[in-house]
Amino acid sequence: MAPGHIKVNIFGSEYSLIGDEDDASVKQIAEYVDKKMREIDRSTNISSISRIAILTALNIAEELYQERQYRERLLEQLNEEARKMNHKISELLEE
């Protein structure tokens, strides 16, 4: 296989991918997608692979969205704490 190419199996189909990331990361991502598709397949009566793939994409997108919101809240909290600390330092330096 050519450099940068990796074969992965997702939901019973093999895919040859090209990526900038190392093989281990690509394999982990493919395993995660495969796991999510199998979870949806087990928990629904959907027989269409494309519908399972779409629901999987929506579920993963929701996870990403929630993680981004969480990160945003953490950054806001960190910024607020940094602002408070800067204010406190300024007060101490003025004494």
PDB file of N, CA and C in Angstrom:
ATOM      1  N   MET A   1       0.855  -1.186   0.000  1.00  0.00           N
ATOM      2  CA  MET A   1       0.000   0.000   0.000  1.00  0.00           C
ATOM      3  C   MET A   1       0.895   1.241   0.000  1.00  0.00           C
ATOM      4  N   ALA A   2       0.453   2.273  -0.687  1.00  0.00           N
ATOM      5  CA  ALA A   2       1.235   3.508  -0.805  1.00  0.00           C
ATOM      6  C   ALA A   2       1.313   4.235   0.525  1.00  0.00           C
ATOM      7  N   PRO A   3       2.389   5.015   0.726  1.00  0.00           N
ATOM      8  CA  PRO A   3       2.493   5.801   1.960  1.00  0.00           C
ATOM      9  C   PRO A   3       1.294   6.742   2.097  1.00  0.00           C
ATOM     10  N   GLY A   4       0.792   6.853   3.313  1.00  0.00           N
ATOM     11  CA  GLY A   4      -0.360   7.718   3.554  1.00  0.00           C
ATOM     12  C   GLY A   4      -1.685   7.020   3.343  1.00  0.00           C
ATOM     13  N   HIS A   5      -1.653   5.783   2.829  1.00  0.00           N
ATOM     14  CA  HIS A   5      -2.876   5.009   2.617  1.00  0.00           C
ATOM     15  C   HIS A   5      -3.027   4.008   3.753  1.00  0.00           C
ATOM     16  N   ILE A   6      -4.252   3.794   4.146  1.00  0.00           N
ATOM     17  CA  ILE A   6      -4.540   2.805   5.185  1.00  0.00           C
ATOM     18  C   ILE A   6      -5.885   2.178   4.871  1.00  0.00           C
ATOM     19  N   LYS A   7      -5.984   0.877   5.102  1.00  0.00           N
ATOM     20  CA  LYS A   7      -7.250   0.175   4.898  1.00  0.00           C
ATOM     21  C   LYS A   7      -7.933   0.014   6.241  1.00  0.00           C
ATOM     22  N   VAL A   8      -9.226   0.328   6.273  1.00  0.00           N
ATOM     23  CA  VAL A   8     -10.027   0.165   7.480  1.00  0.00           C
ATOM     24  C   VAL A   8     -11.324  -0.543   7.121  1.00  0.00           C
ATOM     25  N   ASN A   9     -11.942  -1.155   8.114  1.00  0.00           N
ATOM     26  CA  ASN A   9     -13.210  -1.829   7.909  1.00  0.00           C
ATOM     27  C   ASN A   9     -14.256  -1.131   8.766  1.00  0.00           C
ATOM     28  N   ILE A  10     -15.305  -0.656   8.109  1.00  0.00           N
ATOM     29  CA  ILE A  10     -16.396   0.015   8.814  1.00  0.00           C
ATOM     30  C   ILE A  10     -17.700  -0.653   8.410  1.00  0.00           C
ATOM     31  N   PHE A  11     -18.360  -1.220   9.378  1.00  0.00           N
ATOM     32  CA  PHE A  11     -19.676  -1.835   9.202  1.00  0.00           C
ATOM     33  C   PHE A  11     -19.669  -2.855   8.068  1.00  0.00           C
ATOM     34  N   GLY A  12     -18.586  -3.651   8.028  1.00  0.00           N
ATOM     35  CA  GLY A  12     -18.503  -4.731   7.063  1.00  0.00           C
ATOM     36  C   GLY A  12     -17.955  -4.360   5.697  1.00  0.00           C
ATOM     37  N   SER A  13     -17.615  -3.116   5.489  1.00  0.00           N
ATOM     38  CA  SER A  13     -17.041  -2.689   4.221  1.00  0.00           C
ATOM     39  C   SER A  13     -15.628  -2.181   4.433  1.00  0.00           C
ATOM     40  N   GLU A  14     -14.760  -2.518   3.485  1.00  0.00           N
ATOM     41  CA  GLU A  14     -13.373  -2.075   3.587  1.00  0.00           C
ATOM     42  C   GLU A  14     -13.198  -0.786   2.794  1.00  0.00           C
ATOM     43  N   TYR A  15     -12.461   0.141   3.397  1.00  0.00           N
ATOM     44  CA  TYR A  15     -12.191   1.435   2.780  1.00  0.00           C
ATOM     45  C   TYR A  15     -10.691   1.675   2.772  1.00  0.00           C
ATOM     46  N   SER A  16     -10.202   2.204   1.678  1.00  0.00           N
ATOM     47  CA  SER A  16      -8.809   2.613   1.587  1.00  0.00           C
ATOM     48  C   SER A  16      -8.800   4.126   1.749  1.00  0.00           C
ATOM     49  N   LEU A  17      -8.151   4.587   2.808  1.00  0.00           N
ATOM     50  CA  LEU A  17      -8.162   6.007   3.140  1.00  0.00           C
ATOM     51  C   LEU A  17      -6.787   6.623   2.957  1.00  0.00           C
ATOM     52  N   ILE A  18      -6.792   7.900   2.681  1.00  0.00           N
ATOM     53  CA  ILE A  18      -5.564   8.675   2.624  1.00  0.00           C
ATOM     54  C   ILE A  18      -5.663   9.694   3.737  1.00  0.00           C
ATOM     55  N   GLY A  19      -4.622   9.775   4.552  1.00  0.00           N
ATOM     56  CA  GLY A  19      -4.687  10.718   5.650  1.00  0.00           C
ATOM     57  C   GLY A  19      -3.334  11.271   5.999  1.00  0.00           C
ATOM     58  N   ASP A  20      -3.354  12.445   6.619  1.00  0.00           N
ATOM     59  CA  ASP A  20      -2.132  13.073   7.098  1.00  0.00           C
ATOM     60  C   ASP A  20      -1.759  12.556   8.476  1.00  0.00           C
ATOM     61  N   GLU A  21      -2.735  12.009   9.178  1.00  0.00           N
ATOM     62  CA  GLU A  21      -2.491  11.551  10.539  1.00  0.00           C
ATOM     63  C   GLU A  21      -1.851  10.171  10.516  1.00  0.00           C
ATOM     64  N   ASP A  22      -1.307   9.761  11.656  1.00  0.00           N
ATOM     65  CA  ASP A  22      -0.681   8.456  11.734  1.00  0.00           C
ATOM     66  C   ASP A  22      -1.737   7.361  11.635  1.00  0.00           C
ATOM     67  N   ASP A  23      -1.294   6.189  11.231  1.00  0.00           N
ATOM     68  CA  ASP A  23      -2.205   5.061  11.026  1.00  0.00           C
ATOM     69  C   ASP A  23      -3.037   4.738  12.261  1.00  0.00           C
ATOM     70  N   ALA A  24      -2.440   4.831  13.435  1.00  0.00           N
ATOM     71  CA  ALA A  24      -3.162   4.484  14.664  1.00  0.00           C
ATOM     72  C   ALA A  24      -4.369   5.392  14.862  1.00  0.00           C
ATOM     73  N   SER A  25      -4.213   6.677  14.607  1.00  0.00           N
ATOM     74  CA  SER A  25      -5.336   7.608  14.770  1.00  0.00           C
ATOM     75  C   SER A  25      -6.442   7.306  13.770  1.00  0.00           C
ATOM     76  N   VAL A  26      -6.068   7.060  12.533  1.00  0.00           N
ATOM     77  CA  VAL A  26      -7.058   6.757  11.498  1.00  0.00           C
ATOM     78  C   VAL A  26      -7.803   5.474  11.860  1.00  0.00           C
ATOM     79  N   LYS A  27      -7.074   4.475  12.326  1.00  0.00           N
ATOM     80  CA  LYS A  27      -7.716   3.218  12.723  1.00  0.00           C
ATOM     81  C   LYS A  27      -8.657   3.422  13.903  1.00  0.00           C
ATOM     82  N   GLN A  28      -8.253   4.217  14.877  1.00  0.00           N
ATOM     83  CA  GLN A  28      -9.117   4.478  16.037  1.00  0.00           C
ATOM     84  C   GLN A  28     -10.397   5.186  15.614  1.00  0.00           C
ATOM     85  N   ILE A  29     -10.274   6.148  14.717  1.00  0.00           N
ATOM     86  CA  ILE A  29     -11.456   6.873  14.244  1.00  0.00           C
ATOM     87  C   ILE A  29     -12.389   5.923  13.496  1.00  0.00           C
ATOM     88  N   ALA A  30     -11.819   5.091  12.630  1.00  0.00           N
ATOM     89  CA  ALA A  30     -12.631   4.127  11.882  1.00  0.00           C
ATOM     90  C   ALA A  30     -13.314   3.145  12.836  1.00  0.00           C
ATOM     91  N   GLU A  31     -12.604   2.684  13.856  1.00  0.00           N
ATOM     92  CA  GLU A  31     -13.191   1.780  14.843  1.00  0.00           C
ATOM     93  C   GLU A  31     -14.332   2.458  15.593  1.00  0.00           C
ATOM     94  N   TYR A  32     -14.169   3.739  15.881  1.00  0.00           N
ATOM     95  CA  TYR A  32     -15.212   4.487  16.581  1.00  0.00           C
ATOM     96  C   TYR A  32     -16.469   4.589  15.709  1.00  0.00           C
ATOM     97  N   VAL A  33     -16.288   4.926  14.432  1.00  0.00           N
ATOM     98  CA  VAL A  33     -17.428   5.028  13.513  1.00  0.00           C
ATOM     99  C   VAL A  33     -18.102   3.660  13.381  1.00  0.00           C
ATOM    100  N   ASP A  34     -17.304   2.607  13.242  1.00  0.00           N
ATOM    101  CA  ASP A  34     -17.847   1.254  13.137  1.00  0.00           C
ATOM    102  C   ASP A  34     -18.663   0.907  14.379  1.00  0.00           C
ATOM    103  N   LYS A  35     -18.115   1.208  15.548  1.00  0.00           N
ATOM    104  CA  LYS A  35     -18.805   0.929  16.815  1.00  0.00           C
ATOM    105  C   LYS A  35     -20.139   1.671  16.873  1.00  0.00           C
ATOM    106  N   LYS A  36     -20.136   2.952  16.499  1.00  0.00           N
ATOM    107  CA  LYS A  36     -21.366   3.748  16.535  1.00  0.00           C
ATOM    108  C   LYS A  36     -22.408   3.194  15.566  1.00  0.00           C
ATOM    109  N   MET A  37     -21.964   2.803  14.366  1.00  0.00           N
ATOM    110  CA  MET A  37     -22.908   2.245  13.392  1.00  0.00           C
ATOM    111  C   MET A  37     -23.517   0.949  13.916  1.00  0.00           C
ATOM    112  N   ARG A  38     -22.701   0.117  14.549  1.00  0.00           N
ATOM    113  CA  ARG A  38     -23.208  -1.148  15.088  1.00  0.00           C
ATOM    114  C   ARG A  38     -24.174  -0.905  16.253  1.00  0.00           C
ATOM    115  N   GLU A  39     -23.911   0.112  17.072  1.00  0.00           N
ATOM    116  CA  GLU A  39     -24.840   0.459  18.158  1.00  0.00           C
ATOM    117  C   GLU A  39     -26.190   0.870  17.599  1.00  0.00           C
ATOM    118  N   ILE A  40     -26.176   1.694  16.564  1.00  0.00           N
ATOM    119  CA  ILE A  40     -27.436   2.139  15.960  1.00  0.00           C
ATOM    120  C   ILE A  40     -28.139   0.969  15.293  1.00  0.00           C
ATOM    121  N   ASP A  41     -27.381   0.113  14.637  1.00  0.00           N
ATOM    122  CA  ASP A  41     -27.963  -1.065  13.989  1.00  0.00           C
ATOM    123  C   ASP A  41     -28.664  -1.953  15.016  1.00  0.00           C
ATOM    124  N   ARG A  42     -28.034  -2.154  16.183  1.00  0.00           N
ATOM    125  CA  ARG A  42     -28.625  -2.994  17.235  1.00  0.00           C
ATOM    126  C   ARG A  42     -29.855  -2.345  17.872  1.00  0.00           C
ATOM    127  N   SER A  43     -29.859  -1.025  17.970  1.00  0.00           N
ATOM    128  CA  SER A  43     -30.923  -0.355  18.723  1.00  0.00           C
ATOM    129  C   SER A  43     -32.100   0.096  17.855  1.00  0.00           C
ATOM    130  N   THR A  44     -32.033  -0.127  16.545  1.00  0.00           N
ATOM    131  CA  THR A  44     -33.129   0.266  15.657  1.00  0.00           C
ATOM    132  C   THR A  44     -33.502  -0.893  14.740  1.00  0.00           C
ATOM    133  N   ASN A  45     -34.594  -0.733  14.054  1.00  0.00           N
ATOM    134  CA  ASN A  45     -35.020  -1.728  13.060  1.00  0.00           C
ATOM    135  C   ASN A  45     -34.733  -1.238  11.651  1.00  0.00           C
ATOM    136  N   ILE A  46     -33.756  -0.387  11.504  1.00  0.00           N
ATOM    137  CA  ILE A  46     -33.425   0.171  10.200  1.00  0.00           C
ATOM    138  C   ILE A  46     -32.562  -0.831   9.442  1.00  0.00           C
ATOM    139  N   SER A  47     -32.951  -1.117   8.201  1.00  0.00           N
ATOM    140  CA  SER A  47     -32.175  -2.077   7.413  1.00  0.00           C
ATOM    141  C   SER A  47     -31.316  -1.387   6.358  1.00  0.00           C
ATOM    142  N   SER A  48     -31.534  -0.116   6.152  1.00  0.00           N
ATOM    143  CA  SER A  48     -30.780   0.639   5.145  1.00  0.00           C
ATOM    144  C   SER A  48     -29.443   1.096   5.720  1.00  0.00           C
ATOM    145  N   ILE A  49     -28.373   0.651   5.081  1.00  0.00           N
ATOM    146  CA  ILE A  49     -27.037   1.034   5.552  1.00  0.00           C
ATOM    147  C   ILE A  49     -26.853   2.547   5.451  1.00  0.00           C
ATOM    148  N   SER A  50     -27.387   3.160   4.409  1.00  0.00           N
ATOM    149  CA  SER A  50     -27.218   4.611   4.270  1.00  0.00           C
ATOM    150  C   SER A  50     -27.956   5.356   5.385  1.00  0.00           C
ATOM    151  N   ARG A  51     -29.105   4.863   5.802  1.00  0.00           N
ATOM    152  CA  ARG A  51     -29.819   5.501   6.919  1.00  0.00           C
ATOM    153  C   ARG A  51     -29.060   5.315   8.229  1.00  0.00           C
ATOM    154  N   ILE A  52     -28.492   4.137   8.419  1.00  0.00           N
ATOM    155  CA  ILE A  52     -27.678   3.897   9.613  1.00  0.00           C
ATOM    156  C   ILE A  52     -26.478   4.838   9.602  1.00  0.00           C
ATOM    157  N   ALA A  53     -25.862   5.008   8.437  1.00  0.00           N
ATOM    158  CA  ALA A  53     -24.708   5.904   8.314  1.00  0.00           C
ATOM    159  C   ALA A  53     -25.106   7.348   8.616  1.00  0.00           C
ATOM    160  N   ILE A  54     -26.265   7.767   8.138  1.00  0.00           N
ATOM    161  CA  ILE A  54     -26.723   9.139   8.384  1.00  0.00           C
ATOM    162  C   ILE A  54     -27.010   9.346   9.865  1.00  0.00           C
ATOM    163  N   LEU A  55     -27.685   8.389  10.489  1.00  0.00           N
ATOM    164  CA  LEU A  55     -27.953   8.506  11.925  1.00  0.00           C
ATOM    165  C   LEU A  55     -26.645   8.507  12.718  1.00  0.00           C
ATOM    166  N   THR A  56     -25.701   7.705  12.286  1.00  0.00           N
ATOM    167  CA  THR A  56     -24.389   7.685  12.937  1.00  0.00           C
ATOM    168  C   THR A  56     -23.717   9.035  12.810  1.00  0.00           C
ATOM    169  N   ALA A  57     -23.748   9.601  11.610  1.00  0.00           N
ATOM    170  CA  ALA A  57     -23.147  10.920  11.386  1.00  0.00           C
ATOM    171  C   ALA A  57     -23.817  11.968  12.268  1.00  0.00           C
ATOM    172  N   LEU A  58     -25.125  11.918  12.371  1.00  0.00           N
ATOM    173  CA  LEU A  58     -25.840  12.869  13.221  1.00  0.00           C
ATOM    174  C   LEU A  58     -25.472  12.691  14.691  1.00  0.00           C
ATOM    175  N   ASN A  59     -25.362  11.455  15.148  1.00  0.00           N
ATOM    176  CA  ASN A  59     -24.983  11.206  16.541  1.00  0.00           C
ATOM    177  C   ASN A  59     -23.573  11.698  16.833  1.00  0.00           C
ATOM    178  N   ILE A  60     -22.648  11.428  15.932  1.00  0.00           N
ATOM    179  CA  ILE A  60     -21.272  11.882  16.126  1.00  0.00           C
ATOM    180  C   ILE A  60     -21.199  13.403  16.056  1.00  0.00           C
ATOM    181  N   ALA A  61     -21.972  14.004  15.143  1.00  0.00           N
ATOM    182  CA  ALA A  61     -22.011  15.469  15.048  1.00  0.00           C
ATOM    183  C   ALA A  61     -22.568  16.073  16.335  1.00  0.00           C
ATOM    184  N   GLU A  62     -23.569  15.424  16.925  1.00  0.00           N
ATOM    185  CA  GLU A  62     -24.120  15.912  18.195  1.00  0.00           C
ATOM    186  C   GLU A  62     -23.070  15.833  19.304  1.00  0.00           C
ATOM    187  N   GLU A  63     -22.314  14.729  19.346  1.00  0.00           N
ATOM    188  CA  GLU A  63     -21.239  14.600  20.329  1.00  0.00           C
ATOM    189  C   GLU A  63     -20.209  15.721  20.146  1.00  0.00           C
ATOM    190  N   LEU A  64     -19.832  15.978  18.920  1.00  0.00           N
ATOM    191  CA  LEU A  64     -18.868  17.037  18.624  1.00  0.00           C
ATOM    192  C   LEU A  64     -19.409  18.392  19.056  1.00  0.00           C
ATOM    193  N   TYR A  65     -20.666  18.659  18.735  1.00  0.00           N
ATOM    194  CA  TYR A  65     -21.299  19.921  19.099  1.00  0.00           C
ATOM    195  C   TYR A  65     -21.301  20.108  20.618  1.00  0.00           C
ATOM    196  N   GLN A  66     -21.674  19.041  21.347  1.00  0.00           N
ATOM    197  CA  GLN A  66     -21.696  19.124  22.807  1.00  0.00           C
ATOM    198  C   GLN A  66     -20.300  19.344  23.373  1.00  0.00           C
ATOM    199  N   GLU A  67     -19.307  18.680  22.808  1.00  0.00           N
ATOM    200  CA  GLU A  67     -17.928  18.868  23.253  1.00  0.00           C
ATOM    201  C   GLU A  67     -17.463  20.301  22.999  1.00  0.00           C
ATOM    202  N   ARG A  68     -17.835  20.855  21.865  1.00  0.00           N
ATOM    203  CA  ARG A  68     -17.457  22.236  21.554  1.00  0.00           C
ATOM    204  C   ARG A  68     -18.129  23.217  22.507  1.00  0.00           C
ATOM    205  N   GLN A  69     -19.398  22.970  22.831  1.00  0.00           N
ATOM    206  CA  GLN A  69     -20.085  23.828  23.795  1.00  0.00           C
ATOM    207  C   GLN A  69     -19.416  23.734  25.160  1.00  0.00           C
ATOM    208  N   TYR A  70     -19.055  22.538  25.569  1.00  0.00           N
ATOM    209  CA  TYR A  70     -18.376  22.325  26.847  1.00  0.00           C
ATOM    210  C   TYR A  70     -17.033  23.061  26.862  1.00  0.00           C
ATOM    211  N   ARG A  71     -16.279  22.935  25.779  1.00  0.00           N
ATOM    212  CA  ARG A  71     -14.985  23.618  25.674  1.00  0.00           C
ATOM    213  C   ARG A  71     -15.170  25.130  25.729  1.00  0.00           C
ATOM    214  N   GLU A  72     -16.201  25.629  25.061  1.00  0.00           N
ATOM    215  CA  GLU A  72     -16.486  27.067  25.092  1.00  0.00           C
ATOM    216  C   GLU A  72     -16.772  27.546  26.512  1.00  0.00           C
ATOM    217  N   ARG A  73     -17.590  26.784  27.244  1.00  0.00           N
ATOM    218  CA  ARG A  73     -17.898  27.145  28.632  1.00  0.00           C
ATOM    219  C   ARG A  73     -16.640  27.129  29.483  1.00  0.00           C
ATOM    220  N   LEU A  74     -15.787  26.124  29.291  1.00  0.00           N
ATOM    221  CA  LEU A  74     -14.536  26.062  30.050  1.00  0.00           C
ATOM    222  C   LEU A  74     -13.640  27.250  29.739  1.00  0.00           C
ATOM    223  N   LEU A  75     -13.543  27.605  28.463  1.00  0.00           N
ATOM    224  CA  LEU A  75     -12.724  28.759  28.082  1.00  0.00           C
ATOM    225  C   LEU A  75     -13.273  30.045  28.686  1.00  0.00           C
ATOM    226  N   GLU A  76     -14.581  30.189  28.704  1.00  0.00           N
ATOM    227  CA  GLU A  76     -15.192  31.365  29.320  1.00  0.00           C
ATOM    228  C   GLU A  76     -14.872  31.414  30.809  1.00  0.00           C
ATOM    229  N   GLN A  77     -14.949  30.261  31.478  1.00  0.00           N
ATOM    230  CA  GLN A  77     -14.627  30.203  32.904  1.00  0.00           C
ATOM    231  C   GLN A  77     -13.157  30.539  33.133  1.00  0.00           C
ATOM    232  N   LEU A  78     -12.278  29.988  32.304  1.00  0.00           N
ATOM    233  CA  LEU A  78     -10.856  30.286  32.436  1.00  0.00           C
ATOM    234  C   LEU A  78     -10.570  31.763  32.213  1.00  0.00           C
ATOM    235  N   ASN A  79     -11.205  32.340  31.201  1.00  0.00           N
ATOM    236  CA  ASN A  79     -11.023  33.764  30.934  1.00  0.00           C
ATOM    237  C   ASN A  79     -11.512  34.616  32.094  1.00  0.00           C
ATOM    238  N   GLU A  80     -12.627  34.232  32.668  1.00  0.00           N
ATOM    239  CA  GLU A  80     -13.171  34.974  33.810  1.00  0.00           C
ATOM    240  C   GLU A  80     -12.230  34.868  35.008  1.00  0.00           C
ATOM    241  N   GLU A  81     -11.720  33.663  35.269  1.00  0.00           N
ATOM    242  CA  GLU A  81     -10.785  33.487  36.376  1.00  0.00           C
ATOM    243  C   GLU A  81      -9.498  34.273  36.129  1.00  0.00           C
ATOM    244  N   ALA A  82      -9.007  34.268  34.897  1.00  0.00           N
ATOM    245  CA  ALA A  82      -7.800  35.035  34.556  1.00  0.00           C
ATOM    246  C   ALA A  82      -8.043  36.529  34.752  1.00  0.00           C
ATOM    247  N   ARG A  83      -9.229  36.997  34.361  1.00  0.00           N
ATOM    248  CA  ARG A  83      -9.580  38.406  34.540  1.00  0.00           C
ATOM    249  C   ARG A  83      -9.586  38.774  36.023  1.00  0.00           C
ATOM    250  N   LYS A  84     -10.178  37.885  36.846  1.00  0.00           N
ATOM    251  CA  LYS A  84     -10.222  38.128  38.293  1.00  0.00           C
ATOM    252  C   LYS A  84      -8.814  38.152  38.878  1.00  0.00           C
ATOM    253  N   MET A  85      -7.973  37.224  38.444  1.00  0.00           N
ATOM    254  CA  MET A  85      -6.601  37.167  38.956  1.00  0.00           C
ATOM    255  C   MET A  85      -5.823  38.410  38.536  1.00  0.00           C
ATOM    256  N   ASN A  86      -5.996  38.847  37.307  1.00  0.00           N
ATOM    257  CA  ASN A  86      -5.319  40.067  36.844  1.00  0.00           C
ATOM    258  C   ASN A  86      -5.758  41.276  37.659  1.00  0.00           C
ATOM    259  N   HIS A  87      -7.049  41.317  37.945  1.00  0.00           N
ATOM    260  CA  HIS A  87      -7.581  42.421  38.741  1.00  0.00           C
ATOM    261  C   HIS A  87      -6.976  42.392  40.148  1.00  0.00           C
ATOM    262  N   LYS A  88      -6.920  41.203  40.729  1.00  0.00           N
ATOM    263  CA  LYS A  88      -6.362  41.045  42.071  1.00  0.00           C
ATOM    264  C   LYS A  88      -4.882  41.412  42.085  1.00  0.00           C
ATOM    265  N   ILE A  89      -4.134  40.988  41.071  1.00  0.00           N
ATOM    266  CA  ILE A  89      -2.709  41.324  40.986  1.00  0.00           C
ATOM    267  C   ILE A  89      -2.525  42.831  40.849  1.00  0.00           C
ATOM    268  N   SER A  90      -3.357  43.443  40.027  1.00  0.00           N
ATOM    269  CA  SER A  90      -3.270  44.901  39.862  1.00  0.00           C
ATOM    270  C   SER A  90      -3.533  45.607  41.185  1.00  0.00           C
ATOM    271  N   GLU A  91      -4.515  45.138  41.936  1.00  0.00           N
ATOM    272  CA  GLU A  91      -4.814  45.733  43.238  1.00  0.00           C
ATOM    273  C   GLU A  91      -3.641  45.579  44.176  1.00  0.00           C
ATOM    274  N   LEU A  92      -3.012  44.426  44.209  1.00  0.00           N
ATOM    275  CA  LEU A  92      -1.877  44.193  45.092  1.00  0.00           C
ATOM    276  C   LEU A  92      -0.676  45.032  44.693  1.00  0.00           C
ATOM    277  N   LEU A  93      -0.468  45.230  43.416  1.00  0.00           N
ATOM    278  CA  LEU A  93       0.660  46.043  42.959  1.00  0.00           C
ATOM    279  C   LEU A  93       0.459  47.527  43.263  1.00  0.00           C
ATOM    280  N   GLU A  94      -0.788  47.942  43.355  1.00  0.00           N
ATOM    281  CA  GLU A  94      -1.071  49.352  43.633  1.00  0.00           C
ATOM    282  C   GLU A  94      -0.880  49.668  45.106  1.00  0.00           C
ATOM    283  N   GLU A  95      -0.864  48.676  45.968  1.00  0.00           N
ATOM    284  CA  GLU A  95      -0.735  48.910  47.404  1.00  0.00           C
ATOM    285  C   GLU A  95       0.631  49.409  47.771  1.00  0.00           C
TER     286      GLU A  95
END
